[in-house]
Amino acid sequence: MKKESKKKIIGLFDGIDDIIVNDIKQQLRTVKFKKGDKILREKEEGSCLYVILKGKIEIEKEVEHSEPPIAPLTVMEEGEFFGEMSLLNEEPRSANAIALEDTELLEIPEEEFQRLCFSHPNIMLNLVRALSERLRLTNERFAGALSEMIQKNRLTAIGKATSKIIHDIKSPLTIISLNAQLIETLFPEAEELTQGIIKQAKLIDELLQETLDYIKGNPNHLIIQKVDMVKFLKDIEDTYGPSLKSRNIELVIENKCNEPVYFDEERIRRTIINLIRNSSEAISTKGTIKIMANLSSNWLQISVIDDGPGVPPAIVDDLFKPFISYNKPTGTGLGLSICQKLVQEHKGRIEYTPVQPHGARFDIRLPQQHNL
């Protein structure tokens, strides 16, 4: 979804000489409202439009069968005007107008408005321009709301499927783990292999549950603990380095953090693994993935950098939104969204930066104000 465009301020008297505008204002009544006053009421008859001389106005609409029953539409500022629709279509007011602060308005009765439009055609032109701009913004908001609704429906569908998958897969995962333990009992020399099997089975279970929690919006219960970054990164290197090497991808660790740090080890490990997986899938033939860690000003930064093709500029702004996928025809588009959720639950942030001449860099920043 694209970011909503900034609203243009189109004044009713734009293009008219200041002397003429001052003469017009002197012939009209100025009305004042206190913060919180209701200026217009939905469904009441309208006989005036208003120009905002000072203050801010919120336009809101009553929505049936909704909680809350009032939906804010827009905020209008000095120079803007409102209340014109009742004069144009001779229908009751279509929304409420509330003063957000002490406000001063120029009141233009219907008869005077008609006279001004004949005397100064620019007024009608400005009215049409303002209505066109409001329609454009309304279209953008509608498109955004529709996109969010589609995403929500997709998340609901995936949530139902994931719940079923988790239910169906727990039994075989349990059997795999029990068999691995049995093999270890019979063949103690296979401990390293069987523990790896048990660890991977547990990881699958946790990843599925994490996906379900994300879809349902459930917060994770973080276990913040003291972490030795040397051991933490060495474990990642030993676990994923060999498989990457078999694909001509070198995993490089550059650790400048030699003192204990604090975070939920399992969840940040999964975040890094997800980023490594994304990088490895983006690299088509051979390349390098680098993990860097350093500590500065009570912030731990972990960076995952690759020399692949990078992220297409067209999707950079939406990169962490659900269902955004790149260079992965079979991807779900949820990986980076889940990474962002896990990092934000640490009160941290994750950011993407393109690498020149090509490549991608993801920086995870975690606060370190923990007293354990």
Protein backbone atom coordinates (compact mmCIF):
# COMPACT_ATOMS: atom_id res chain seq x y z
CA MET A 1 0.00 0.00 0.00
CA LYS A 2 1.41 3.37 -0.96
CA LYS A 3 1.83 6.12 1.54
CA GLU A 4 -1.05 8.59 1.45
CA SER A 5 -0.25 11.85 -0.35
CA LYS A 6 -0.06 15.06 1.62
CA LYS A 7 -3.25 17.09 1.50
CA LYS A 8 -3.11 20.28 -0.56
CA ILE A 9 -4.52 23.42 1.05
CA ILE A 10 -6.85 25.03 -1.50
CA GLY A 11 -8.33 28.32 -0.34
CA LEU A 12 -11.75 29.55 -1.40
CA PHE A 13 -10.34 32.96 -2.37
CA ASP A 14 -7.16 31.78 -4.13
CA GLY A 15 -6.41 33.91 -7.21
CA ILE A 16 -8.45 36.90 -6.01
CA ASP A 17 -6.75 40.21 -5.19
CA ASP A 18 -6.08 40.67 -1.45
CA ILE A 19 -7.90 44.02 -1.39
CA ILE A 20 -11.04 42.39 -2.82
CA VAL A 21 -10.74 39.51 -0.38
CA ASN A 22 -10.52 41.92 2.57
CA ASP A 23 -13.62 43.75 1.31
CA ILE A 24 -15.49 40.43 1.07
CA LYS A 25 -14.48 39.45 4.61
CA GLN A 26 -15.60 42.78 6.04
CA GLN A 27 -19.09 42.18 4.65
CA LEU A 28 -19.36 38.74 6.25
CA ARG A 29 -19.81 37.57 9.84
CA THR A 30 -16.97 36.05 11.86
CA VAL A 31 -17.96 33.35 14.35
CA LYS A 32 -15.87 31.83 17.15
CA PHE A 33 -15.96 28.37 18.72
CA LYS A 34 -14.26 26.88 21.74
CA LYS A 35 -12.27 23.66 21.66
CA GLY A 36 -14.71 20.72 21.58
CA ASP A 37 -17.66 22.73 20.22
CA LYS A 38 -19.72 20.99 17.53
CA ILE A 39 -19.95 23.39 14.58
CA LEU A 40 -21.94 21.20 12.18
CA ARG A 41 -24.20 18.28 13.04
CA GLU A 42 -24.81 15.42 10.67
CA LYS A 43 -28.34 15.35 9.13
CA GLU A 44 -29.19 18.93 10.15
CA GLU A 45 -30.16 21.47 7.49
CA GLY A 46 -27.26 23.55 6.16
CA SER A 47 -27.45 27.15 5.00
CA CYS A 48 -23.81 28.33 5.29
CA LEU A 49 -20.30 27.31 4.41
CA TYR A 50 -17.29 28.26 6.54
CA VAL A 51 -13.73 29.37 5.88
CA ILE A 52 -11.24 28.60 8.68
CA LEU A 53 -9.49 31.83 9.71
CA LYS A 54 -7.82 30.33 12.79
CA GLY A 55 -7.74 26.89 14.44
CA LYS A 56 -8.39 23.30 13.38
CA ILE A 57 -11.57 21.38 12.59
CA GLU A 58 -12.14 17.62 12.59
CA ILE A 59 -14.71 16.23 10.18
CA GLU A 60 -16.27 13.00 11.45
CA LYS A 61 -19.11 10.76 10.35
CA GLU A 62 -21.54 8.60 12.28
CA VAL A 63 -21.30 4.90 11.35
CA GLU A 64 -24.13 2.50 12.13
CA HIS A 65 -23.35 -0.89 13.70
CA SER A 66 -19.80 0.14 14.46
CA GLU A 67 -17.75 0.47 17.62
CA PRO A 68 -16.85 3.25 18.11
CA PRO A 69 -19.90 4.71 16.31
CA ILE A 70 -17.96 7.76 15.05
CA ALA A 71 -15.33 7.60 12.26
CA PRO A 72 -12.90 10.53 11.86
CA LEU A 73 -12.58 11.54 8.19
CA THR A 74 -10.09 14.40 8.08
CA VAL A 75 -8.63 17.40 9.91
CA MET A 76 -8.97 20.82 8.27
CA GLU A 77 -6.67 23.75 8.97
CA GLU A 78 -6.44 27.50 8.51
CA GLY A 79 -7.28 28.52 4.93
CA GLU A 80 -9.53 25.54 4.18
CA PHE A 81 -13.32 25.64 3.94
CA PHE A 82 -16.13 23.20 4.71
CA GLY A 83 -19.92 22.91 4.74
CA GLU A 84 -20.31 23.53 1.00
CA MET A 85 -22.07 20.25 0.14
CA SER A 86 -25.42 21.27 1.63
CA LEU A 87 -25.35 24.41 -0.50
CA LEU A 88 -24.55 22.49 -3.67
CA ASN A 89 -26.99 19.58 -3.39
CA GLU A 90 -29.57 21.08 -1.00
CA GLU A 91 -29.28 18.01 1.24
CA PRO A 92 -28.78 17.87 5.04
CA ARG A 93 -25.25 17.92 6.46
CA SER A 94 -23.39 14.68 5.66
CA ALA A 95 -20.94 14.82 8.58
CA ASN A 96 -20.14 16.48 11.91
CA ALA A 97 -17.55 19.23 12.31
CA ILE A 98 -15.81 19.58 15.70
CA ALA A 99 -13.42 22.34 16.81
CA LEU A 100 -10.12 20.70 17.83
CA GLU A 101 -8.94 24.00 19.34
CA ASP A 102 -10.28 27.52 19.80
CA THR A 103 -11.38 28.40 16.29
CA GLU A 104 -12.42 31.43 14.28
CA LEU A 105 -14.52 31.00 11.12
CA LEU A 106 -15.79 33.19 8.31
CA GLU A 107 -19.47 32.39 7.80
CA ILE A 108 -20.81 32.63 4.23
CA PRO A 109 -24.64 32.28 3.92
CA GLU A 110 -26.04 30.52 0.85
CA GLU A 111 -27.34 33.71 -0.84
CA GLU A 112 -24.03 35.50 -0.35
CA PHE A 113 -22.13 32.47 -1.64
CA GLN A 114 -24.16 32.41 -4.85
CA ARG A 115 -23.58 36.14 -5.35
CA LEU A 116 -19.83 35.77 -4.80
CA CYS A 117 -19.62 32.93 -7.31
CA PHE A 118 -21.21 35.11 -10.02
CA SER A 119 -19.02 38.10 -9.12
CA HIS A 120 -15.79 36.13 -8.76
CA PRO A 121 -15.72 32.92 -10.88
CA ASN A 122 -12.41 31.94 -9.24
CA ILE A 123 -14.41 31.00 -6.15
CA MET A 124 -16.33 28.31 -8.04
CA LEU A 125 -13.08 27.12 -9.68
CA ASN A 126 -11.43 26.82 -6.24
CA LEU A 127 -14.46 24.94 -4.96
CA VAL A 128 -14.18 22.41 -7.81
CA ARG A 129 -10.41 22.05 -7.26
CA ALA A 130 -10.93 21.44 -3.54
CA LEU A 131 -13.64 18.86 -4.15
CA SER A 132 -11.42 17.08 -6.70
CA GLU A 133 -8.54 16.98 -4.23
CA ARG A 134 -10.78 15.61 -1.49
CA LEU A 135 -12.09 12.95 -3.88
CA ARG A 136 -8.52 11.93 -4.75
CA LEU A 137 -7.59 11.59 -1.07
CA THR A 138 -10.78 9.64 -0.42
CA ASN A 139 -9.88 7.23 -3.24
CA GLU A 140 -6.41 6.72 -1.73
CA ARG A 141 -7.87 6.07 1.72
CA PHE A 142 -10.40 3.65 0.24
CA ALA A 143 -7.66 1.79 -1.65
CA GLY A 144 -5.62 1.58 1.56
CA ALA A 145 -8.58 0.34 3.59
CA LEU A 146 -9.41 -2.23 0.91
CA SER A 147 -5.80 -3.47 0.88
CA GLU A 148 -5.80 -3.83 4.67
CA MET A 149 -9.12 -5.71 4.52
CA ILE A 150 -7.74 -8.10 1.88
CA GLN A 151 -4.61 -8.69 3.97
CA LYS A 152 -6.72 -9.31 7.06
CA ASN A 153 -8.84 -11.85 5.20
CA ARG A 154 -5.73 -13.57 3.86
CA LEU A 155 -4.23 -13.66 7.35
CA THR A 156 -7.46 -15.17 8.68
CA ALA A 157 -7.39 -17.89 6.03
CA ILE A 158 -3.71 -18.62 6.69
CA GLY A 159 -4.41 -18.64 10.44
CA LYS A 160 -7.04 -21.35 10.02
CA ALA A 161 -4.72 -23.39 7.80
CA THR A 162 -1.78 -22.96 10.18
CA SER A 163 -3.88 -24.05 13.16
CA LYS A 164 -4.77 -27.23 11.29
CA ILE A 165 -1.15 -27.78 10.23
CA ILE A 166 0.14 -27.32 13.79
CA HIS A 167 -2.46 -29.77 15.08
CA ASP A 168 -1.61 -32.34 12.39
CA ILE A 169 2.15 -31.97 12.57
CA LYS A 170 2.66 -32.12 16.34
CA SER A 171 2.21 -35.89 16.44
CA PRO A 172 4.85 -36.73 13.79
CA LEU A 173 7.23 -34.17 15.30
CA THR A 174 6.81 -35.83 18.70
CA ILE A 175 7.45 -39.25 17.14
CA ILE A 176 10.58 -37.95 15.37
CA SER A 177 11.94 -36.55 18.65
CA LEU A 178 11.16 -39.77 20.59
CA ASN A 179 12.79 -41.93 17.92
CA ALA A 180 15.86 -39.71 17.94
CA GLN A 181 16.11 -40.10 21.71
CA LEU A 182 15.72 -43.90 21.32
CA ILE A 183 18.50 -43.99 18.72
CA GLU A 184 20.73 -41.99 21.08
CA THR A 185 20.05 -44.51 23.86
CA LEU A 186 20.96 -47.44 21.60
CA PHE A 187 23.88 -45.68 19.91
CA PRO A 188 25.43 -43.08 22.28
CA GLU A 189 28.04 -42.20 19.65
CA ALA A 190 25.21 -40.71 17.53
CA GLU A 191 24.37 -38.10 20.19
CA GLU A 192 25.45 -35.12 18.08
CA LEU A 193 23.29 -36.26 15.16
CA THR A 194 20.22 -37.13 17.24
CA GLN A 195 20.38 -33.86 19.17
CA GLY A 196 20.43 -32.03 15.86
CA ILE A 197 17.28 -33.91 14.79
CA ILE A 198 15.53 -33.06 18.06
CA LYS A 199 16.60 -29.43 17.79
CA GLN A 200 15.27 -29.10 14.21
CA ALA A 201 11.96 -30.76 15.13
CA LYS A 202 11.54 -28.30 17.99
CA LEU A 203 12.41 -25.42 15.65
CA ILE A 204 9.70 -26.45 13.16
CA ASP A 205 7.14 -26.56 15.96
CA GLU A 206 8.18 -23.12 17.25
CA LEU A 207 8.20 -21.56 13.77
CA LEU A 208 4.67 -22.77 13.07
CA GLN A 209 3.46 -21.49 16.43
CA GLU A 210 5.24 -18.17 15.84
CA THR A 211 3.50 -17.79 12.48
CA LEU A 212 0.15 -18.48 14.11
CA ASP A 213 0.86 -15.96 16.89
CA TYR A 214 1.76 -13.34 14.28
CA ILE A 215 -1.43 -13.94 12.30
CA LYS A 216 -3.57 -13.76 15.45
CA GLY A 217 -1.66 -10.73 16.71
CA ASN A 218 -0.63 -12.53 19.90
CA PRO A 219 2.43 -11.03 21.63
CA ASN A 220 5.34 -13.36 22.31
CA HIS A 221 6.42 -13.92 25.89
CA LEU A 222 10.08 -12.88 25.68
CA ILE A 223 12.74 -14.53 27.82
CA ILE A 224 15.42 -11.87 28.04
CA GLN A 225 18.69 -13.47 29.06
CA LYS A 226 22.41 -12.83 29.11
CA VAL A 227 23.94 -13.91 25.79
CA ASP A 228 27.58 -14.51 24.85
CA MET A 229 27.74 -13.18 21.29
CA VAL A 230 30.87 -15.21 20.50
CA LYS A 231 29.07 -18.48 21.28
CA PHE A 232 25.78 -17.26 19.80
CA LEU A 233 27.29 -16.42 16.42
CA LYS A 234 29.59 -19.48 16.44
CA ASP A 235 26.52 -21.70 16.85
CA ILE A 236 24.85 -20.05 13.85
CA GLU A 237 28.04 -20.43 11.81
CA ASP A 238 28.47 -24.11 12.72
CA THR A 239 24.79 -24.88 12.03
CA TYR A 240 24.29 -23.07 8.71
CA GLY A 241 27.82 -22.47 7.37
CA PRO A 242 28.29 -25.98 5.89
CA SER A 243 24.97 -26.01 4.00
CA LEU A 244 25.71 -22.55 2.59
CA LYS A 245 29.22 -23.61 1.60
CA SER A 246 27.76 -26.49 -0.41
CA ARG A 247 25.99 -23.85 -2.52
CA ASN A 248 29.16 -21.75 -2.99
CA ILE A 249 27.96 -19.19 -0.45
CA GLU A 250 30.48 -18.13 2.18
CA LEU A 251 29.20 -17.21 5.65
CA VAL A 252 31.47 -14.62 7.28
CA ILE A 253 31.21 -13.68 10.97
CA GLU A 254 32.60 -10.32 12.11
CA ASN A 255 31.97 -9.92 15.84
CA LYS A 256 33.07 -6.76 17.62
CA CYS A 257 30.89 -7.43 20.65
CA ASN A 258 32.97 -9.26 23.26
CA GLU A 259 30.88 -8.50 26.33
CA PRO A 260 27.57 -10.02 27.43
CA VAL A 261 24.40 -8.65 25.85
CA TYR A 262 20.71 -9.24 26.57
CA PHE A 263 17.87 -10.47 24.40
CA ASP A 264 15.57 -13.46 23.83
CA GLU A 265 18.15 -15.80 22.30
CA GLU A 266 15.78 -18.13 20.47
CA ARG A 267 13.71 -15.41 18.85
CA ILE A 268 16.64 -13.29 17.69
CA ARG A 269 18.33 -16.47 16.43
CA ARG A 270 15.24 -17.17 14.33
CA THR A 271 15.23 -13.59 13.06
CA ILE A 272 18.85 -13.91 11.92
CA ILE A 273 18.22 -17.34 10.40
CA ASN A 274 15.27 -15.93 8.47
CA LEU A 275 17.48 -13.13 7.09
CA ILE A 276 20.23 -15.64 6.19
CA ARG A 277 17.65 -17.78 4.39
CA ASN A 278 16.36 -14.76 2.45
CA SER A 279 19.91 -13.83 1.45
CA SER A 280 20.83 -17.37 0.39
CA GLU A 281 17.67 -17.69 -1.73
CA ALA A 282 18.44 -14.36 -3.43
CA ILE A 283 22.00 -15.42 -4.38
CA SER A 284 21.69 -17.42 -7.59
CA THR A 285 25.18 -18.90 -8.07
CA LYS A 286 27.87 -17.92 -5.56
CA GLY A 287 28.28 -15.11 -3.07
CA THR A 288 28.91 -14.01 0.50
CA ILE A 289 26.69 -13.47 3.52
CA LYS A 290 28.25 -11.52 6.36
CA ILE A 291 26.96 -11.25 9.93
CA MET A 292 28.36 -8.30 11.90
CA ALA A 293 27.77 -7.49 15.57
CA ASN A 294 28.82 -4.50 17.64
CA LEU A 295 27.72 -2.70 20.79
CA SER A 296 27.52 1.09 21.06
CA SER A 297 25.66 3.50 23.37
CA ASN A 298 23.59 0.73 24.98
CA TRP A 299 22.42 -0.58 21.60
CA LEU A 300 23.38 -3.94 20.14
CA GLN A 301 23.47 -3.95 16.35
CA ILE A 302 23.44 -7.20 14.39
CA SER A 303 23.73 -6.79 10.62
CA VAL A 304 23.13 -9.40 7.92
CA ILE A 305 24.72 -8.31 4.64
CA ASP A 306 24.81 -10.11 1.30
CA ASP A 307 26.14 -9.41 -2.18
CA GLY A 308 23.06 -10.70 -3.99
CA PRO A 309 20.82 -8.66 -6.30
CA GLY A 310 19.26 -6.64 -3.46
CA VAL A 311 15.62 -5.68 -2.99
CA PRO A 312 13.73 -4.19 -5.96
CA PRO A 313 13.24 -0.44 -5.32
CA ALA A 314 9.52 -0.76 -6.11
CA ILE A 315 8.84 -2.78 -2.93
CA VAL A 316 11.31 -1.22 -0.48
CA ASP A 317 8.66 0.96 1.20
CA ASP A 318 6.40 -2.07 1.75
CA LEU A 319 9.15 -4.57 2.53
CA PHE A 320 8.03 -5.40 6.08
CA LYS A 321 4.33 -5.64 5.27
CA PRO A 322 2.61 -9.05 5.07
CA PHE A 323 2.56 -10.89 1.72
CA ILE A 324 5.40 -8.84 0.19
CA SER A 325 7.83 -11.29 -1.39
CA TYR A 326 10.75 -10.82 -3.77
CA ASN A 327 12.91 -13.28 -5.73
CA LYS A 328 10.96 -16.13 -4.10
CA PRO A 329 8.14 -17.56 -6.28
CA THR A 330 7.06 -19.92 -3.47
CA GLY A 331 7.52 -17.47 -0.58
CA THR A 332 4.65 -16.58 1.76
CA GLY A 333 5.72 -12.97 2.22
CA LEU A 334 5.40 -13.27 6.02
CA GLY A 335 9.06 -13.81 6.96
CA LEU A 336 10.17 -10.19 7.28
CA SER A 337 6.87 -9.20 8.92
CA ILE A 338 7.49 -11.80 11.63
CA CYS A 339 11.12 -10.65 11.97
CA GLN A 340 9.93 -7.08 12.50
CA LYS A 341 7.39 -8.19 15.11
CA LEU A 342 10.03 -10.13 17.07
CA VAL A 343 12.46 -7.21 17.01
CA GLN A 344 9.81 -4.65 17.94
CA GLU A 345 8.75 -6.81 20.89
CA HIS A 346 12.32 -6.26 22.13
CA LYS A 347 11.59 -2.51 21.76
CA GLY A 348 14.13 -2.55 18.96
CA ARG A 349 13.98 -1.90 15.25
CA ILE A 350 15.00 -3.57 11.99
CA GLU A 351 15.95 -1.59 8.90
CA TYR A 352 16.88 -2.34 5.30
CA THR A 353 19.65 -0.55 3.39
CA PRO A 354 20.69 -1.31 -0.22
CA VAL A 355 24.35 -2.19 -0.78
CA GLN A 356 26.28 -0.77 -3.73
CA PRO A 357 26.86 -1.90 -6.43
CA HIS A 358 24.40 -4.66 -5.47
CA GLY A 359 23.28 -6.45 -2.34
CA ALA A 360 21.13 -6.09 0.74
CA ARG A 361 21.78 -5.12 4.35
CA PHE A 362 19.42 -5.65 7.28
CA ASP A 363 20.30 -4.03 10.61
CA ILE A 364 18.75 -5.30 13.83
CA ARG A 365 19.09 -2.83 16.72
CA LEU A 366 18.26 -4.01 20.25
CA PRO A 367 18.31 -1.80 23.38
CA GLN A 368 20.54 -3.02 26.22
CA GLN A 369 19.02 -1.34 29.30
CA HIS A 370 18.51 -4.65 31.06
CA ASN A 371 19.44 -5.43 34.62
CA LEU A 372 19.62 -9.18 35.06
